[in-house]
Protein backbone atom coordinates (compact mmCIF):
# COMPACT_ATOMS: atom_id res chain seq x y z
CA UNK A 1 -0.63 10.24 10.35
CA UNK A 2 1.05 12.35 7.59
CA UNK A 3 0.74 9.28 5.26
CA UNK A 4 2.35 10.41 2.26
CA UNK A 5 5.62 11.08 4.16
CA UNK A 6 5.48 7.38 5.44
CA UNK A 7 4.81 5.84 1.98
CA UNK A 8 7.94 7.53 0.60
CA UNK A 9 9.95 5.35 2.98
CA UNK A 10 7.93 2.23 2.87
CA UNK A 11 7.25 2.08 -1.04
CA UNK A 12 10.98 2.81 -1.80
CA UNK A 13 12.06 -0.18 0.38
CA UNK A 14 9.38 -2.42 -0.86
CA UNK A 15 9.85 -1.80 -4.53
CA UNK A 16 13.79 -2.37 -4.33
CA UNK A 17 13.99 -5.07 -1.62
CA UNK A 18 11.13 -7.25 -2.80
CA UNK A 19 12.24 -7.15 -6.48
CA UNK A 20 15.51 -8.55 -5.45
CA UNK A 21 13.79 -10.99 -3.09
CA UNK A 22 11.76 -12.35 -5.92
CA UNK A 23 14.89 -12.99 -7.99
CA UNK A 24 16.38 -15.27 -5.12
CA UNK A 25 15.28 -18.78 -4.82
CA UNK A 26 13.42 -20.04 -1.85
CA UNK A 27 15.90 -22.07 0.01
CA UNK A 28 14.57 -25.49 1.02
CA UNK A 29 16.84 -25.82 4.12
CA UNK A 30 17.17 -23.24 6.86
CA UNK A 31 20.45 -21.26 6.85
CA UNK A 32 21.12 -19.60 10.14
CA UNK A 33 23.66 -17.13 8.77
CA UNK A 34 21.40 -16.15 6.01
CA UNK A 35 18.32 -15.84 8.37
CA UNK A 36 20.60 -13.57 10.58
CA UNK A 37 21.64 -11.48 7.63
CA UNK A 38 18.02 -11.08 6.36
CA UNK A 39 16.73 -10.26 9.84
CA UNK A 40 19.30 -7.84 10.72
CA UNK A 41 18.83 -6.15 7.32
CA UNK A 42 15.02 -5.81 7.93
CA UNK A 43 15.43 -4.41 11.51
CA UNK A 44 18.26 -2.14 10.60
CA UNK A 45 16.22 -0.66 7.60
CA UNK A 46 12.96 -0.21 9.74
CA UNK A 47 14.94 1.31 12.45
CA UNK A 48 16.96 3.80 10.13
CA UNK A 49 13.57 4.71 8.36
CA UNK A 50 11.74 5.46 11.62
CA UNK A 51 14.78 7.46 12.82
CA UNK A 52 15.02 9.23 9.58
CA UNK A 53 11.13 9.96 9.59
CA UNK A 54 11.50 11.44 13.26
CA UNK A 55 14.39 13.61 12.26
CA UNK A 56 13.21 14.97 8.88
CA UNK A 57 9.52 15.23 9.60
CA UNK A 58 8.43 15.14 13.41
CA UNK A 59 11.43 17.42 14.56
CA UNK A 60 9.82 20.28 12.60
CA UNK A 61 6.55 20.22 14.66
CA UNK A 62 6.08 20.91 18.57
CA UNK A 63 5.66 17.78 20.74
CA UNK A 64 3.30 17.01 23.37
CA UNK A 65 2.28 14.34 25.90
CA UNK A 66 1.21 11.19 24.11
CA UNK A 67 -2.58 11.54 23.09
CA UNK A 68 -5.02 10.11 20.53
CA UNK A 69 -6.45 11.74 17.61
CA UNK A 70 -9.61 10.77 15.52
CA UNK A 71 -8.99 11.30 12.00
CA UNK A 72 -11.38 8.70 10.67
CA UNK A 73 -13.34 11.25 8.61
CA UNK A 74 -10.17 12.64 6.92
CA UNK A 75 -10.00 12.37 3.09
CA UNK A 76 -13.23 10.34 2.92
CA UNK A 77 -11.14 7.28 4.36
CA UNK A 78 -8.65 7.44 1.44
CA UNK A 79 -5.74 7.60 3.81
CA UNK A 80 -7.01 4.51 5.65
CA UNK A 81 -7.23 2.48 2.49
CA UNK A 82 -3.71 3.54 1.79
CA UNK A 83 -2.49 2.35 5.34
CA UNK A 84 -3.97 -1.14 4.59
CA UNK A 85 -2.22 -1.31 1.35
CA UNK A 86 1.01 -0.18 2.53
CA UNK A 87 1.00 -2.81 5.40
CA UNK A 88 -0.03 -5.40 2.90
CA UNK A 89 2.91 -4.51 0.64
CA UNK A 90 5.38 -4.78 3.61
CA UNK A 91 3.98 -8.23 4.67
CA UNK A 92 4.53 -9.60 1.13
CA UNK A 93 8.09 -8.16 1.05
CA UNK A 94 9.09 -9.59 4.41
CA UNK A 95 7.61 -13.02 3.58
CA UNK A 96 9.72 -13.28 0.37
CA UNK A 97 12.94 -12.31 2.31
CA UNK A 98 12.48 -14.78 5.11
CA UNK A 99 11.61 -17.48 2.65
CA UNK A 100 14.81 -16.72 0.82
CA UNK A 101 16.61 -17.25 4.18
CA UNK A 102 15.20 -20.80 4.35
CA UNK A 103 12.66 -20.11 7.12
CA UNK A 104 9.75 -22.23 6.95
CA UNK A 105 6.66 -20.90 5.25
CA UNK A 106 4.39 -20.58 8.48
CA UNK A 107 6.89 -18.72 10.53
CA UNK A 108 7.83 -16.50 7.72
CA UNK A 109 3.98 -15.57 7.28
CA UNK A 110 3.65 -14.61 11.03
CA UNK A 111 6.96 -12.92 11.37
CA UNK A 112 6.39 -10.70 8.18
CA UNK A 113 2.67 -10.09 8.98
CA UNK A 114 3.30 -9.09 12.77
CA UNK A 115 6.54 -7.30 11.85
CA UNK A 116 4.80 -4.98 9.35
CA UNK A 117 2.08 -4.20 11.61
CA UNK A 118 4.49 -3.25 14.31
CA UNK A 119 6.58 -1.18 11.99
CA UNK A 120 3.51 0.84 10.96
CA UNK A 121 2.32 0.93 14.47
CA UNK A 122 5.72 2.49 15.59
CA UNK A 123 5.08 5.29 13.35
CA UNK A 124 1.58 5.91 15.01
CA UNK A 125 3.35 6.25 18.36
CA UNK A 126 5.39 9.13 16.75
CA UNK A 127 2.16 10.73 15.82
CA UNK A 128 0.89 10.30 19.34
CA UNK A 129 3.60 12.67 20.62
CA UNK A 130 3.02 15.40 18.03
CA UNK A 131 1.00 18.33 19.08
CA UNK A 132 -0.64 18.82 15.71
CA UNK A 133 -1.85 15.16 15.40
CA UNK A 134 -2.13 12.04 17.61
CA UNK A 135 -2.16 8.40 17.91
CA UNK A 136 -4.97 7.17 15.48
CA UNK A 137 -6.94 4.12 16.22
CA UNK A 138 -8.29 4.16 12.77
CA UNK A 139 -4.82 3.92 11.36
CA UNK A 140 -3.94 1.08 13.57
CA UNK A 141 -7.09 -0.66 12.57
CA UNK A 142 -6.32 -0.19 9.00
CA UNK A 143 -2.77 -1.50 9.15
CA UNK A 144 -3.95 -4.52 10.89
CA UNK A 145 -6.53 -5.15 7.98
CA UNK A 146 -3.74 -5.05 5.52
CA UNK A 147 -1.41 -7.42 7.51
CA UNK A 148 -4.34 -9.90 8.17
CA UNK A 149 -5.17 -10.01 4.54
CA UNK A 150 -1.71 -11.16 3.77
CA UNK A 151 -1.50 -13.71 6.59
CA UNK A 152 -4.87 -15.20 6.20
CA UNK A 153 -4.40 -15.86 2.43
CA UNK A 154 -1.09 -17.54 2.98
CA UNK A 155 -2.32 -19.67 5.76
CA UNK A 156 -5.55 -20.79 3.92
CA UNK A 157 -4.19 -21.23 0.30
CA UNK A 158 -0.42 -20.74 0.62
CA UNK A 159 -1.02 -18.02 -2.04
CA UNK A 160 -1.74 -14.50 -2.59
CA UNK A 161 -5.06 -14.68 -4.49
CA UNK A 162 -6.20 -11.25 -3.51
CA UNK A 163 -3.81 -8.26 -3.69
CA UNK A 164 -4.07 -4.61 -2.83
CA UNK A 165 -2.75 -2.20 -5.66
CA UNK A 166 -2.32 1.35 -6.23
CA UNK A 167 -2.80 3.76 -9.27
CA UNK A 168 -2.69 7.54 -9.86
CA UNK A 169 -3.60 10.38 -12.13
CA UNK A 170 -3.14 14.12 -11.92
CA UNK A 171 -6.13 16.28 -10.93
CA UNK A 172 -7.02 20.08 -11.27
CA UNK A 173 -7.57 20.05 -7.42
CA UNK A 174 -3.70 20.27 -6.91
CA UNK A 175 -3.47 23.40 -8.97
CA UNK A 176 -5.85 24.97 -6.51
CA UNK A 177 -4.05 23.89 -3.35
CA UNK A 178 -0.56 22.99 -4.25
CA UNK A 179 0.49 23.68 -0.75
CA UNK A 180 -1.68 20.76 0.59
CA UNK A 181 -1.78 18.47 -2.39
CA UNK A 182 1.56 18.77 -3.92
CA UNK A 183 3.25 21.12 -6.35
CA UNK A 184 5.19 18.62 -8.50
CA UNK A 185 3.74 15.36 -9.99
CA UNK A 186 5.84 13.39 -7.64
CA UNK A 187 4.58 15.16 -4.53
CA UNK A 188 0.99 14.73 -5.97
CA UNK A 189 1.22 11.00 -6.35
CA UNK A 190 1.89 11.01 -2.51
CA UNK A 191 -0.38 13.93 -1.37
CA UNK A 192 -3.20 14.25 -3.73
CA UNK A 193 -5.85 11.86 -2.57
CA UNK A 194 -8.11 13.07 -5.48
CA UNK A 195 -5.90 11.32 -7.97
CA UNK A 196 -5.20 8.10 -5.98
CA UNK A 197 -7.13 4.92 -6.54
CA UNK A 198 -6.69 1.75 -4.31
CA UNK A 199 -7.62 -1.56 -5.89
CA UNK A 200 -8.58 -5.07 -4.61
CA UNK A 201 -7.14 -7.41 -7.15
CA UNK A 202 -8.89 -10.86 -7.34
CA UNK A 203 -7.08 -13.69 -9.20
CA UNK A 204 -10.05 -15.57 -10.82
CA UNK A 205 -8.08 -18.63 -11.92
CA UNK A 206 -6.96 -19.42 -8.58
CA UNK A 207 -10.54 -20.00 -7.48
CA UNK A 208 -11.45 -22.23 -10.41
CA UNK A 209 -10.49 -25.76 -11.14
CA UNK A 210 -6.74 -26.16 -12.22
CA UNK A 211 -7.87 -27.43 -15.58
CA UNK A 212 -9.52 -24.02 -16.17
CA UNK A 213 -8.71 -22.25 -19.41
CA UNK A 214 -9.16 -19.01 -17.82
CA UNK A 215 -6.01 -16.79 -18.11
CA UNK A 216 -3.86 -17.20 -14.90
CA UNK A 217 -2.65 -13.55 -15.33
CA UNK A 218 -5.96 -11.82 -15.56
CA UNK A 219 -7.37 -10.40 -12.45
CA UNK A 220 -10.83 -8.77 -11.66
CA UNK A 221 -10.02 -5.38 -10.00
CA UNK A 222 -12.34 -3.45 -7.53
CA UNK A 223 -11.19 0.19 -7.04
CA UNK A 224 -12.10 2.85 -4.45
CA UNK A 225 -11.17 6.66 -4.90
CA UNK A 226 -12.66 10.05 -3.99
CA UNK A 227 -12.62 13.41 -5.45
CA UNK A 228 -13.48 17.14 -4.62
CA UNK A 229 -11.21 17.11 -1.61
CA UNK A 230 -9.53 20.38 -0.78
CA UNK A 231 -9.27 19.89 2.84
CA UNK A 232 -8.61 16.93 5.10
CA UNK A 233 -12.07 17.01 6.95
CA UNK A 234 -13.97 19.48 4.81
CA UNK A 235 -13.67 21.99 2.18
CA UNK A 236 -13.45 25.35 4.06
CA UNK A 237 -14.09 28.71 2.29
CA UNK A 238 -13.30 29.56 -0.48
CA UNK A 239 -13.51 25.97 -1.60
CA UNK A 240 -16.76 25.08 0.20
CA UNK A 241 -18.68 25.16 -3.08
CA UNK A 242 -16.76 22.10 -4.34
CA UNK A 243 -18.69 18.79 -3.85
CA UNK A 244 -16.69 15.94 -2.08
CA UNK A 245 -17.64 12.46 -3.27
CA UNK A 246 -16.65 8.83 -3.41
CA UNK A 247 -15.88 6.82 -6.51
CA UNK A 248 -16.08 3.00 -7.17
CA UNK A 249 -14.48 1.25 -10.10
CA UNK A 250 -14.88 -2.14 -11.89
CA UNK A 251 -11.95 -3.16 -14.18
CA UNK A 252 -9.69 -5.91 -14.96
CA UNK A 253 -5.90 -6.09 -14.17
CA UNK A 254 -2.74 -7.94 -15.30
CA UNK A 255 -1.11 -10.10 -12.60
CA UNK A 256 2.41 -9.90 -13.82
CA UNK A 257 3.72 -12.46 -11.07
CA UNK A 258 1.63 -15.15 -12.77
CA UNK A 259 3.39 -14.76 -16.06
CA UNK A 260 6.19 -17.38 -16.31
CA UNK A 261 9.57 -16.04 -17.37
CA UNK A 262 13.20 -17.11 -16.73
CA UNK A 263 14.48 -13.69 -17.20
CA UNK A 264 15.80 -12.03 -13.99
CA UNK A 265 15.14 -8.61 -15.53
CA UNK A 266 11.59 -9.41 -16.21
CA UNK A 267 11.00 -11.03 -12.82
CA UNK A 268 12.38 -7.79 -11.07
CA UNK A 269 10.09 -5.68 -13.31
CA UNK A 270 7.05 -7.93 -12.69
CA UNK A 271 7.59 -7.64 -8.98
CA UNK A 272 7.60 -3.89 -9.01
CA UNK A 273 4.60 -3.73 -11.31
CA UNK A 274 2.64 -6.09 -9.04
CA UNK A 275 2.07 -3.24 -6.58
CA UNK A 276 0.53 -1.04 -9.33
CA UNK A 277 -2.76 -1.42 -11.31
CA UNK A 278 -2.36 -1.71 -14.90
CA UNK A 279 -4.13 1.04 -16.95
CA UNK A 280 -7.05 -0.81 -18.64
CA UNK A 281 -10.93 -0.12 -19.48
CA UNK A 282 -12.81 0.86 -16.47
CA UNK A 283 -16.23 1.39 -15.17
CA UNK A 284 -16.79 4.18 -12.78
CA UNK A 285 -19.68 4.49 -10.34
CA UNK A 286 -19.92 7.96 -8.56
CA UNK A 287 -22.59 10.73 -8.19
CA UNK A 288 -25.40 8.42 -9.04
CA UNK A 289 -24.16 7.68 -12.58
CA UNK A 290 -21.98 5.27 -14.45
CA UNK A 291 -19.00 6.35 -16.44
CA UNK A 292 -16.86 4.39 -18.78
CA UNK A 293 -13.16 5.16 -19.11
CA UNK A 294 -11.37 3.49 -22.29
CA UNK A 295 -8.26 3.59 -20.13
CA UNK A 296 -8.09 4.50 -16.50
CA UNK A 297 -5.12 4.85 -14.08
């Protein structure tokens, strides 16, 4: 899947809608009109975004009979981690919106989790009819992991103790292949996997006793990235001398959603920031060595 095209639609909806959902109180009583309004809005938004993607992106490429495509080795699996993170974010957004409508927690969990998986899967179906690509079982699996991570935590703890986050920094690789990795910073944030890092954020306090003095807002953060990628599957000539390698990170993060505030502006800002890793000191493990970054993003 051309993941950077999808994430433009998904993250814009996630950041805006979920920030508003967090400002709205959870209704203790079910409201049918409110539920219909929320459900209609979600379905309409999803339908319009799929239609726009099909019109603006897939219409420029030749169609074919439905087929599959094995892209599991692309970008050292960075795009797969991106799929999981995006589906996780959509599940969180949907849950907040349905809880606002007064729908009970359990049904909100399942509807948002399954709905986000179906939405991302519908994009895979479009890929299946594209001559240049195809339906990816790897992408579908990654989508399922992201959705399952959200659903399982809510069912087990009624809390999101483990979150998936994103960060980005510019790289020199985009200058070598701007056609593939992006010309502007905005394009590179979506297309240059060399500069992207995906994080598993673990809230330590939630696993300790309630009386623990450990800061509620401080998370342990484990990151994954990759560099040296000047092609999807391999670095073809004249870039074949550049080594492709994986990166693993150890850091901390700030969980803004666990910082109490009565300010609606701060709540909205904290919600948007909750999808992005905070720049903090970080250890990097790659190429058989350890590197310390005073501030990594």
